[in-house]
Amino acid sequence: MGEDPDTSRSAVRTYVPAYQKDAWQAHADEMGMSQSEFVRTMVQAGRKGFDLDPEEGAPPTTDPRGGGLETRLLSVLKDHDYMSWDQLVSALTDDMEDRLDDALGELQGSNRIRYSGRHGGYTLVTDGN
């Protein structure tokens, strides 16, 4: 299956003062989101001006577990007439790959985990290793 340009992903990098990043991370943690998901959500909310789309006619739903799956699913489906199961899985799991990459980078940056090429994987950093 070829990649649909409407659902393909690409990285966006920005630089903000450390205090701003810390505030965003704290807010993301409170909302049960990764920092990337938080920034994406806030940018999209800002672009919408926090108004409901009159065609939708109902407030956005959120996942009671804090993952926002329903909200992300509605967002993905909004721009398509129909999407297959495989297209939906791809659109939603791409986000998980981004979140995993972000989390691994943050944990390596804070020296809480490390990657070992010799062992072919990640491990917790402890006093013994």
N, C-alpha and C. Protein backbone atom coordinates (compact mmCIF):
# COMPACT_ATOMS: atom_id res chain seq x y z
N MET A 1 0.85 -1.18 0.00
CA MET A 1 0.00 0.00 0.00
C MET A 1 0.89 1.24 0.00
N GLY A 2 0.66 2.15 -0.93
CA GLY A 2 1.44 3.38 -1.00
C GLY A 2 1.08 4.32 0.13
N GLU A 3 2.00 5.19 0.45
CA GLU A 3 1.78 6.14 1.54
C GLU A 3 0.87 7.27 1.07
N ASP A 4 -0.17 7.53 1.83
CA ASP A 4 -1.12 8.61 1.53
C ASP A 4 -0.50 9.92 1.99
N PRO A 5 -0.31 10.89 1.09
CA PRO A 5 0.34 12.14 1.49
C PRO A 5 -0.45 12.90 2.55
N ASP A 6 -1.75 12.67 2.65
CA ASP A 6 -2.55 13.36 3.66
C ASP A 6 -2.28 12.85 5.07
N THR A 7 -1.76 11.62 5.22
CA THR A 7 -1.52 11.06 6.56
C THR A 7 -0.04 10.81 6.83
N SER A 8 0.85 11.19 5.89
CA SER A 8 2.27 10.99 6.14
C SER A 8 2.74 11.92 7.25
N ARG A 9 3.80 11.55 7.91
CA ARG A 9 4.32 12.32 9.04
C ARG A 9 5.68 12.89 8.71
N SER A 10 5.98 14.05 9.32
CA SER A 10 7.33 14.60 9.24
C SER A 10 7.60 15.34 10.54
N ALA A 11 8.85 15.42 10.89
CA ALA A 11 9.26 16.05 12.15
C ALA A 11 9.28 17.56 12.01
N VAL A 12 8.95 18.24 13.10
CA VAL A 12 9.05 19.69 13.20
C VAL A 12 9.86 19.99 14.45
N ARG A 13 10.86 20.80 14.34
CA ARG A 13 11.68 21.15 15.49
C ARG A 13 11.57 22.64 15.76
N THR A 14 11.56 23.00 17.02
CA THR A 14 11.52 24.40 17.41
C THR A 14 12.34 24.57 18.67
N TYR A 15 12.72 25.78 18.95
CA TYR A 15 13.50 26.07 20.15
C TYR A 15 12.74 27.08 20.99
N VAL A 16 12.59 26.76 22.26
CA VAL A 16 11.92 27.64 23.21
C VAL A 16 12.80 27.75 24.44
N PRO A 17 12.60 28.79 25.25
CA PRO A 17 13.38 28.89 26.50
C PRO A 17 13.12 27.68 27.39
N ALA A 18 14.11 27.30 28.17
CA ALA A 18 14.01 26.12 29.03
C ALA A 18 12.81 26.19 29.97
N TYR A 19 12.53 27.37 30.51
CA TYR A 19 11.39 27.48 31.43
C TYR A 19 10.08 27.18 30.71
N GLN A 20 9.99 27.55 29.41
CA GLN A 20 8.77 27.28 28.64
C GLN A 20 8.62 25.79 28.39
N LYS A 21 9.73 25.15 28.02
CA LYS A 21 9.70 23.70 27.79
C LYS A 21 9.29 22.98 29.07
N ASP A 22 9.83 23.40 30.20
CA ASP A 22 9.48 22.77 31.48
C ASP A 22 7.99 22.95 31.79
N ALA A 23 7.46 24.14 31.51
CA ALA A 23 6.04 24.40 31.76
C ALA A 23 5.18 23.55 30.84
N TRP A 24 5.57 23.43 29.57
CA TRP A 24 4.81 22.59 28.64
C TRP A 24 4.87 21.13 29.07
N GLN A 25 6.04 20.68 29.51
CA GLN A 25 6.17 19.28 29.94
C GLN A 25 5.28 19.01 31.15
N ALA A 26 5.28 19.94 32.11
CA ALA A 26 4.44 19.77 33.31
C ALA A 26 2.96 19.71 32.93
N HIS A 27 2.55 20.58 32.02
CA HIS A 27 1.14 20.58 31.59
C HIS A 27 0.82 19.30 30.82
N ALA A 28 1.73 18.87 29.97
CA ALA A 28 1.53 17.62 29.22
C ALA A 28 1.40 16.44 30.19
N ASP A 29 2.25 16.41 31.22
CA ASP A 29 2.18 15.34 32.22
C ASP A 29 0.82 15.34 32.93
N GLU A 30 0.35 16.54 33.27
CA GLU A 30 -0.95 16.66 33.94
C GLU A 30 -2.08 16.12 33.06
N MET A 31 -1.92 16.26 31.76
CA MET A 31 -2.95 15.83 30.82
C MET A 31 -2.74 14.41 30.33
N GLY A 32 -1.69 13.75 30.82
CA GLY A 32 -1.40 12.38 30.41
C GLY A 32 -0.95 12.27 28.96
N MET A 33 -0.26 13.30 28.47
CA MET A 33 0.19 13.33 27.08
C MET A 33 1.71 13.40 27.02
N SER A 34 2.25 12.99 25.87
CA SER A 34 3.66 13.25 25.63
C SER A 34 3.80 14.73 25.32
N GLN A 35 5.01 15.23 25.40
CA GLN A 35 5.22 16.64 25.09
C GLN A 35 4.90 16.92 23.61
N SER A 36 5.25 15.99 22.73
CA SER A 36 4.95 16.18 21.30
C SER A 36 3.44 16.25 21.07
N GLU A 37 2.72 15.33 21.70
CA GLU A 37 1.27 15.32 21.55
C GLU A 37 0.66 16.61 22.10
N PHE A 38 1.18 17.09 23.23
CA PHE A 38 0.70 18.33 23.83
C PHE A 38 0.90 19.51 22.87
N VAL A 39 2.10 19.64 22.31
CA VAL A 39 2.40 20.75 21.42
C VAL A 39 1.51 20.67 20.18
N ARG A 40 1.37 19.47 19.58
CA ARG A 40 0.50 19.32 18.41
C ARG A 40 -0.92 19.74 18.74
N THR A 41 -1.43 19.27 19.88
CA THR A 41 -2.80 19.57 20.28
C THR A 41 -3.00 21.06 20.50
N MET A 42 -2.05 21.70 21.18
CA MET A 42 -2.19 23.12 21.46
C MET A 42 -2.09 23.95 20.17
N VAL A 43 -1.22 23.57 19.26
CA VAL A 43 -1.12 24.29 17.99
C VAL A 43 -2.43 24.16 17.22
N GLN A 44 -2.97 22.94 17.14
CA GLN A 44 -4.23 22.74 16.43
C GLN A 44 -5.36 23.51 17.11
N ALA A 45 -5.40 23.50 18.44
CA ALA A 45 -6.43 24.26 19.16
C ALA A 45 -6.29 25.74 18.88
N GLY A 46 -5.07 26.24 18.86
CA GLY A 46 -4.84 27.65 18.56
C GLY A 46 -5.26 28.01 17.16
N ARG A 47 -5.02 27.10 16.23
CA ARG A 47 -5.42 27.36 14.84
C ARG A 47 -6.92 27.39 14.70
N LYS A 48 -7.62 26.61 15.50
CA LYS A 48 -9.09 26.60 15.46
C LYS A 48 -9.67 27.72 16.31
N GLY A 49 -8.85 28.39 17.11
CA GLY A 49 -9.34 29.45 17.97
C GLY A 49 -10.26 28.92 19.06
N PHE A 50 -10.11 27.65 19.37
CA PHE A 50 -10.90 27.00 20.40
C PHE A 50 -12.40 26.98 20.09
N ASP A 51 -12.78 27.27 18.85
CA ASP A 51 -14.18 27.22 18.46
C ASP A 51 -14.54 25.86 17.92
N LEU A 52 -15.79 25.48 18.10
CA LEU A 52 -16.29 24.26 17.49
C LEU A 52 -16.51 24.49 16.02
N ASP A 53 -16.26 23.47 15.23
CA ASP A 53 -16.60 23.52 13.83
C ASP A 53 -18.11 23.36 13.75
N PRO A 54 -18.84 24.34 13.21
CA PRO A 54 -20.29 24.26 13.21
C PRO A 54 -20.82 23.02 12.50
N GLU A 55 -20.07 22.48 11.54
CA GLU A 55 -20.52 21.29 10.85
C GLU A 55 -20.45 20.06 11.74
N GLU A 56 -19.54 20.07 12.70
CA GLU A 56 -19.42 18.92 13.60
C GLU A 56 -20.58 18.89 14.57
N GLY A 57 -20.97 20.06 15.10
CA GLY A 57 -22.15 20.17 15.93
C GLY A 57 -22.03 19.60 17.33
N ALA A 58 -20.88 19.13 17.73
CA ALA A 58 -20.75 18.57 19.07
C ALA A 58 -19.33 18.83 19.56
N PRO A 59 -19.16 18.92 20.88
CA PRO A 59 -17.81 19.13 21.40
C PRO A 59 -16.94 17.91 21.14
N PRO A 60 -15.63 18.11 21.04
CA PRO A 60 -14.75 16.97 20.83
C PRO A 60 -14.79 16.04 22.03
N THR A 61 -14.63 14.75 21.75
CA THR A 61 -14.59 13.79 22.84
C THR A 61 -13.15 13.49 23.18
N THR A 62 -12.93 13.02 24.38
CA THR A 62 -11.58 12.65 24.79
C THR A 62 -11.62 11.28 25.44
N ASP A 63 -10.52 10.62 25.39
CA ASP A 63 -10.37 9.31 26.00
C ASP A 63 -10.30 9.48 27.51
N PRO A 64 -11.18 8.82 28.28
CA PRO A 64 -11.15 9.00 29.73
C PRO A 64 -9.84 8.58 30.37
N ARG A 65 -9.04 7.79 29.68
CA ARG A 65 -7.74 7.38 30.21
C ARG A 65 -6.68 8.43 29.94
N GLY A 66 -7.03 9.50 29.26
CA GLY A 66 -6.09 10.60 29.05
C GLY A 66 -5.27 10.50 27.79
N GLY A 67 -5.45 9.46 26.97
CA GLY A 67 -4.65 9.31 25.77
C GLY A 67 -5.14 10.11 24.59
N GLY A 68 -6.40 10.57 24.64
CA GLY A 68 -6.93 11.38 23.55
C GLY A 68 -7.15 10.62 22.26
N LEU A 69 -7.31 9.29 22.33
CA LEU A 69 -7.47 8.49 21.12
C LEU A 69 -8.69 8.93 20.32
N GLU A 70 -9.81 9.13 20.99
CA GLU A 70 -11.02 9.54 20.27
C GLU A 70 -10.81 10.87 19.57
N THR A 71 -10.17 11.80 20.26
CA THR A 71 -9.91 13.11 19.67
C THR A 71 -9.00 12.98 18.46
N ARG A 72 -7.95 12.18 18.56
CA ARG A 72 -7.04 11.98 17.43
C ARG A 72 -7.75 11.28 16.28
N LEU A 73 -8.61 10.31 16.60
CA LEU A 73 -9.35 9.58 15.57
C LEU A 73 -10.29 10.53 14.82
N LEU A 74 -11.00 11.36 15.54
CA LEU A 74 -11.89 12.34 14.90
C LEU A 74 -11.10 13.30 14.02
N SER A 75 -9.93 13.70 14.49
CA SER A 75 -9.09 14.62 13.72
C SER A 75 -8.62 13.98 12.42
N VAL A 76 -8.23 12.71 12.48
CA VAL A 76 -7.77 12.00 11.29
C VAL A 76 -8.91 11.83 10.30
N LEU A 77 -10.08 11.43 10.80
CA LEU A 77 -11.22 11.16 9.92
C LEU A 77 -11.84 12.44 9.33
N LYS A 78 -11.64 13.57 9.99
CA LYS A 78 -12.25 14.82 9.57
C LYS A 78 -11.88 15.20 8.14
N ASP A 79 -10.67 14.89 7.74
CA ASP A 79 -10.18 15.31 6.43
C ASP A 79 -10.31 14.24 5.34
N HIS A 80 -11.03 13.16 5.64
CA HIS A 80 -11.17 12.07 4.67
C HIS A 80 -12.63 11.63 4.60
N ASP A 81 -13.07 11.25 3.41
CA ASP A 81 -14.42 10.70 3.30
C ASP A 81 -14.48 9.34 3.99
N TYR A 82 -13.53 8.47 3.66
CA TYR A 82 -13.45 7.14 4.25
C TYR A 82 -12.00 6.78 4.44
N MET A 83 -11.73 6.01 5.49
CA MET A 83 -10.39 5.47 5.71
C MET A 83 -10.54 4.01 6.11
N SER A 84 -9.69 3.16 5.55
CA SER A 84 -9.72 1.74 5.89
C SER A 84 -9.14 1.54 7.29
N TRP A 85 -9.36 0.37 7.82
CA TRP A 85 -8.79 -0.01 9.12
C TRP A 85 -7.28 0.18 9.09
N ASP A 86 -6.63 -0.34 8.04
CA ASP A 86 -5.17 -0.25 7.94
C ASP A 86 -4.70 1.21 7.88
N GLN A 87 -5.43 2.07 7.16
CA GLN A 87 -5.06 3.48 7.10
C GLN A 87 -5.20 4.14 8.47
N LEU A 88 -6.27 3.79 9.21
CA LEU A 88 -6.46 4.35 10.55
C LEU A 88 -5.36 3.89 11.50
N VAL A 89 -5.06 2.59 11.45
CA VAL A 89 -4.01 2.06 12.32
C VAL A 89 -2.69 2.75 12.02
N SER A 90 -2.39 2.93 10.73
CA SER A 90 -1.14 3.59 10.35
C SER A 90 -1.12 5.04 10.84
N ALA A 91 -2.20 5.77 10.65
CA ALA A 91 -2.25 7.17 11.06
C ALA A 91 -2.10 7.31 12.57
N LEU A 92 -2.68 6.41 13.32
CA LEU A 92 -2.63 6.50 14.78
C LEU A 92 -1.35 5.94 15.37
N THR A 93 -0.78 4.91 14.76
CA THR A 93 0.45 4.34 15.32
C THR A 93 1.68 5.14 14.94
N ASP A 94 1.61 5.91 13.85
CA ASP A 94 2.74 6.79 13.52
C ASP A 94 2.98 7.73 14.69
N ASP A 95 1.90 8.20 15.31
CA ASP A 95 2.01 9.08 16.46
C ASP A 95 2.71 8.36 17.61
N MET A 96 2.40 7.09 17.80
CA MET A 96 3.02 6.32 18.88
C MET A 96 4.52 6.18 18.64
N GLU A 97 4.91 5.98 17.39
CA GLU A 97 6.34 5.90 17.07
C GLU A 97 7.03 7.22 17.39
N ASP A 98 6.38 8.33 17.06
CA ASP A 98 6.93 9.65 17.39
C ASP A 98 7.07 9.81 18.90
N ARG A 99 6.04 9.40 19.64
CA ARG A 99 6.04 9.53 21.10
C ARG A 99 7.13 8.65 21.71
N LEU A 100 7.29 7.43 21.18
CA LEU A 100 8.34 6.54 21.68
C LEU A 100 9.72 7.14 21.41
N ASP A 101 9.92 7.67 20.21
CA ASP A 101 11.20 8.29 19.87
C ASP A 101 11.49 9.47 20.79
N ASP A 102 10.48 10.30 21.04
CA ASP A 102 10.65 11.45 21.94
C ASP A 102 11.00 10.99 23.35
N ALA A 103 10.28 9.98 23.84
CA ALA A 103 10.52 9.49 25.20
C ALA A 103 11.91 8.89 25.32
N LEU A 104 12.34 8.11 24.33
CA LEU A 104 13.68 7.53 24.37
C LEU A 104 14.74 8.63 24.37
N GLY A 105 14.54 9.65 23.54
CA GLY A 105 15.49 10.76 23.49
C GLY A 105 15.57 11.50 24.82
N GLU A 106 14.41 11.76 25.42
CA GLU A 106 14.39 12.46 26.71
C GLU A 106 15.04 11.63 27.81
N LEU A 107 14.75 10.32 27.83
CA LEU A 107 15.33 9.46 28.87
C LEU A 107 16.83 9.28 28.67
N GLN A 108 17.28 9.21 27.42
CA GLN A 108 18.73 9.13 27.18
C GLN A 108 19.39 10.45 27.54
N GLY A 109 18.73 11.56 27.21
CA GLY A 109 19.28 12.88 27.51
C GLY A 109 19.43 13.12 29.00
N SER A 110 18.54 12.52 29.80
CA SER A 110 18.63 12.68 31.26
C SER A 110 19.40 11.52 31.90
N ASN A 111 20.03 10.70 31.05
CA ASN A 111 20.87 9.59 31.50
C ASN A 111 20.11 8.57 32.37
N ARG A 112 18.84 8.36 32.03
CA ARG A 112 18.05 7.35 32.77
C ARG A 112 18.04 6.02 32.04
N ILE A 113 18.26 6.05 30.71
CA ILE A 113 18.42 4.83 29.92
C ILE A 113 19.57 5.06 28.96
N ARG A 114 20.07 3.95 28.40
CA ARG A 114 21.10 4.07 27.36
C ARG A 114 20.91 2.94 26.37
N TYR A 115 21.41 3.17 25.16
CA TYR A 115 21.35 2.16 24.11
C TYR A 115 22.70 1.46 24.04
N SER A 116 22.66 0.15 23.95
CA SER A 116 23.88 -0.64 23.79
C SER A 116 23.84 -1.35 22.45
N GLY A 117 24.73 -0.95 21.54
CA GLY A 117 24.82 -1.65 20.26
C GLY A 117 25.28 -3.08 20.45
N ARG A 118 26.13 -3.30 21.42
CA ARG A 118 26.64 -4.64 21.70
C ARG A 118 25.52 -5.59 22.09
N HIS A 119 24.56 -5.06 22.90
CA HIS A 119 23.46 -5.89 23.35
C HIS A 119 22.20 -5.72 22.49
N GLY A 120 22.24 -4.76 21.58
CA GLY A 120 21.14 -4.59 20.63
C GLY A 120 19.85 -4.05 21.24
N GLY A 121 19.98 -3.19 22.27
CA GLY A 121 18.76 -2.64 22.84
C GLY A 121 19.03 -1.61 23.91
N TYR A 122 17.95 -1.16 24.52
CA TYR A 122 17.98 -0.14 25.55
C TYR A 122 17.99 -0.79 26.93
N THR A 123 18.58 -0.09 27.89
CA THR A 123 18.61 -0.59 29.26
C THR A 123 18.53 0.59 30.22
N LEU A 124 18.07 0.30 31.42
CA LEU A 124 18.07 1.32 32.46
C LEU A 124 19.49 1.61 32.91
N VAL A 125 19.78 2.86 33.21
CA VAL A 125 21.09 3.22 33.75
C VAL A 125 20.99 3.06 35.27
N THR A 126 21.82 2.21 35.79
CA THR A 126 21.87 1.99 37.22
C THR A 126 23.30 2.20 37.69
N ASP A 127 23.48 2.12 39.00
CA ASP A 127 24.83 2.29 39.54
C ASP A 127 25.80 1.25 39.00
N GLY A 128 25.28 0.08 38.64
CA GLY A 128 26.14 -1.01 38.16
C GLY A 128 26.45 -0.97 36.69
N ASN A 129 25.78 -0.09 35.89
CA ASN A 129 26.09 -0.08 34.46
C ASN A 129 26.12 1.28 33.87
